[in-house]
Amino acid sequence: MVNTLKVALVLLIVFVLWKRLKVFLFNGTINNAYAKLTKDHYEVQDGKIHVEFWLPAETNVVIELKNNYNKQITTSEINALPKGEHAHTLDVKGFPSGKHSFTFKTSNQNTERFFDVV
């Protein structure tokens, strides 16, 4: 019984790895189904945050800006952006000092990033 479970587990792992390898070989990348923020770290420059991102297909994007108390301040809804690289600017002038965040949303993901206002 234990050997059967081990064999089944090994076969499952091999199957999953094979599927990932096929996607990589045919598409050149492992996961292009999701939008990607192109930076991991965001800094305020002249009272603004520049959010740069890549979309795998035409997509609606929502960017929510939250203050240091996690209260939603503004929401930017950007409809029908085409596939490719894009940028959006968030105005944070007048925000109090501290850690704030924005949430980048598409139909299949939510990604939150933090930034400091000094």
Protein backbone atom coordinates (compact mmCIF):
# COMPACT_ATOMS: atom_id res chain seq x y z
CA MET A 1 0.00 0.00 0.00
CA VAL A 2 2.77 2.47 0.95
CA ASN A 3 4.72 1.69 -2.24
CA THR A 4 1.62 2.27 -4.35
CA LEU A 5 1.15 5.69 -2.77
CA LYS A 6 4.79 6.55 -3.37
CA VAL A 7 4.54 5.55 -7.03
CA ALA A 8 1.32 7.53 -7.44
CA LEU A 9 2.94 10.61 -5.86
CA VAL A 10 6.02 10.34 -8.09
CA LEU A 11 3.82 9.97 -11.19
CA LEU A 12 1.77 13.00 -10.18
CA ILE A 13 4.92 15.10 -9.70
CA VAL A 14 6.32 13.97 -13.04
CA PHE A 15 3.00 14.78 -14.74
CA VAL A 16 2.86 18.30 -13.27
CA LEU A 17 6.49 19.00 -14.14
CA TRP A 18 5.97 17.72 -17.69
CA LYS A 19 2.96 20.01 -18.20
CA ARG A 20 4.95 23.02 -16.93
CA LEU A 21 7.87 22.13 -19.21
CA LYS A 22 5.56 21.86 -22.23
CA VAL A 23 4.11 25.31 -21.52
CA PHE A 24 7.60 26.76 -21.19
CA LEU A 25 8.87 25.12 -24.38
CA PHE A 26 5.89 26.19 -26.50
CA ASN A 27 5.24 29.64 -25.05
CA GLY A 28 8.70 30.68 -23.89
CA THR A 29 7.47 31.44 -20.40
CA ILE A 30 5.94 29.51 -17.57
CA ASN A 31 3.11 31.83 -16.64
CA ASN A 32 1.82 34.51 -18.98
CA ALA A 33 -1.79 34.22 -17.87
CA TYR A 34 -1.49 36.91 -15.20
CA ALA A 35 -0.78 40.62 -15.25
CA LYS A 36 2.52 41.61 -13.68
CA LEU A 37 3.65 44.71 -11.84
CA THR A 38 7.05 45.49 -13.33
CA LYS A 39 8.56 46.84 -10.09
CA ASP A 40 8.65 45.40 -6.59
CA HIS A 41 9.52 48.64 -4.81
CA TYR A 42 7.67 51.95 -5.18
CA GLU A 43 8.83 55.39 -4.08
CA VAL A 44 7.02 58.71 -3.97
CA GLN A 45 8.51 61.21 -6.43
CA ASP A 46 7.08 64.74 -6.53
CA GLY A 47 3.99 63.55 -4.66
CA LYS A 48 3.24 60.79 -7.14
CA ILE A 49 3.63 57.02 -7.51
CA HIS A 50 4.20 55.61 -10.99
CA VAL A 51 2.67 52.12 -11.30
CA GLU A 52 4.07 50.18 -14.24
CA PHE A 53 2.53 46.88 -15.29
CA TRP A 54 2.25 44.33 -18.09
CA LEU A 55 -1.00 42.73 -19.28
CA PRO A 56 -1.19 39.36 -21.10
CA ALA A 57 -4.41 40.31 -22.94
CA GLU A 58 -6.99 43.09 -23.11
CA THR A 59 -8.00 43.57 -19.49
CA ASN A 60 -9.88 45.87 -17.15
CA VAL A 61 -7.67 47.14 -14.32
CA VAL A 62 -8.63 48.64 -10.96
CA ILE A 63 -6.07 50.38 -8.75
CA GLU A 64 -7.17 51.21 -5.21
CA LEU A 65 -5.13 53.65 -3.14
CA LYS A 66 -5.26 53.24 0.66
CA ASN A 67 -3.90 55.42 3.45
CA ASN A 68 -1.82 54.31 6.44
CA TYR A 69 -5.02 53.27 8.27
CA ASN A 70 -5.93 50.92 5.39
CA LYS A 71 -8.83 53.20 4.46
CA GLN A 72 -9.55 53.36 0.74
CA ILE A 73 -8.90 56.88 -0.57
CA THR A 74 -9.37 56.61 -4.33
CA THR A 75 -10.13 54.00 -6.95
CA SER A 76 -8.97 54.19 -10.55
CA GLU A 77 -10.89 51.98 -12.98
CA ILE A 78 -9.19 51.59 -16.34
CA ASN A 79 -11.30 49.68 -18.85
CA ALA A 80 -10.22 47.64 -21.87
CA LEU A 81 -6.47 48.18 -21.71
CA PRO A 82 -4.79 46.29 -24.56
CA LYS A 83 -2.13 43.61 -24.12
CA GLY A 84 1.31 44.98 -23.31
CA GLU A 85 3.10 47.41 -21.00
CA HIS A 86 1.25 50.26 -19.32
CA ALA A 87 1.76 52.92 -16.64
CA HIS A 88 -0.60 54.74 -14.32
CA THR A 89 0.20 57.62 -11.95
CA LEU A 90 -1.27 57.88 -8.45
CA ASP A 91 -1.34 61.31 -6.78
CA VAL A 92 -0.41 61.07 -3.08
CA LYS A 93 0.16 64.79 -2.41
CA GLY A 94 -1.19 65.71 0.98
CA PHE A 95 -0.97 62.19 2.40
CA PRO A 96 0.32 62.11 5.97
CA SER A 97 3.72 60.58 6.65
CA GLY A 98 3.70 56.82 7.02
CA LYS A 99 3.22 53.55 5.17
CA HIS A 100 0.47 53.51 2.54
CA SER A 101 -0.54 50.98 -0.11
CA PHE A 102 -2.19 50.43 -3.45
CA THR A 103 -3.94 47.32 -4.70
CA PHE A 104 -3.64 46.34 -8.36
CA LYS A 105 -6.66 44.28 -9.48
CA THR A 106 -7.56 42.40 -12.64
CA SER A 107 -10.22 39.76 -13.24
CA ASN A 108 -8.04 36.99 -11.83
CA GLN A 109 -5.73 38.60 -9.27
CA ASN A 110 -5.17 41.18 -6.54
CA THR A 111 -1.67 42.44 -5.79
CA GLU A 112 -0.88 44.88 -2.97
CA ARG A 113 2.26 47.01 -2.77
CA PHE A 114 3.34 49.37 0.00
CA PHE A 115 5.15 52.71 -0.15
CA ASP A 116 6.30 55.32 2.34
CA VAL A 117 5.33 58.97 2.40
CA VAL A 118 7.86 61.09 4.25
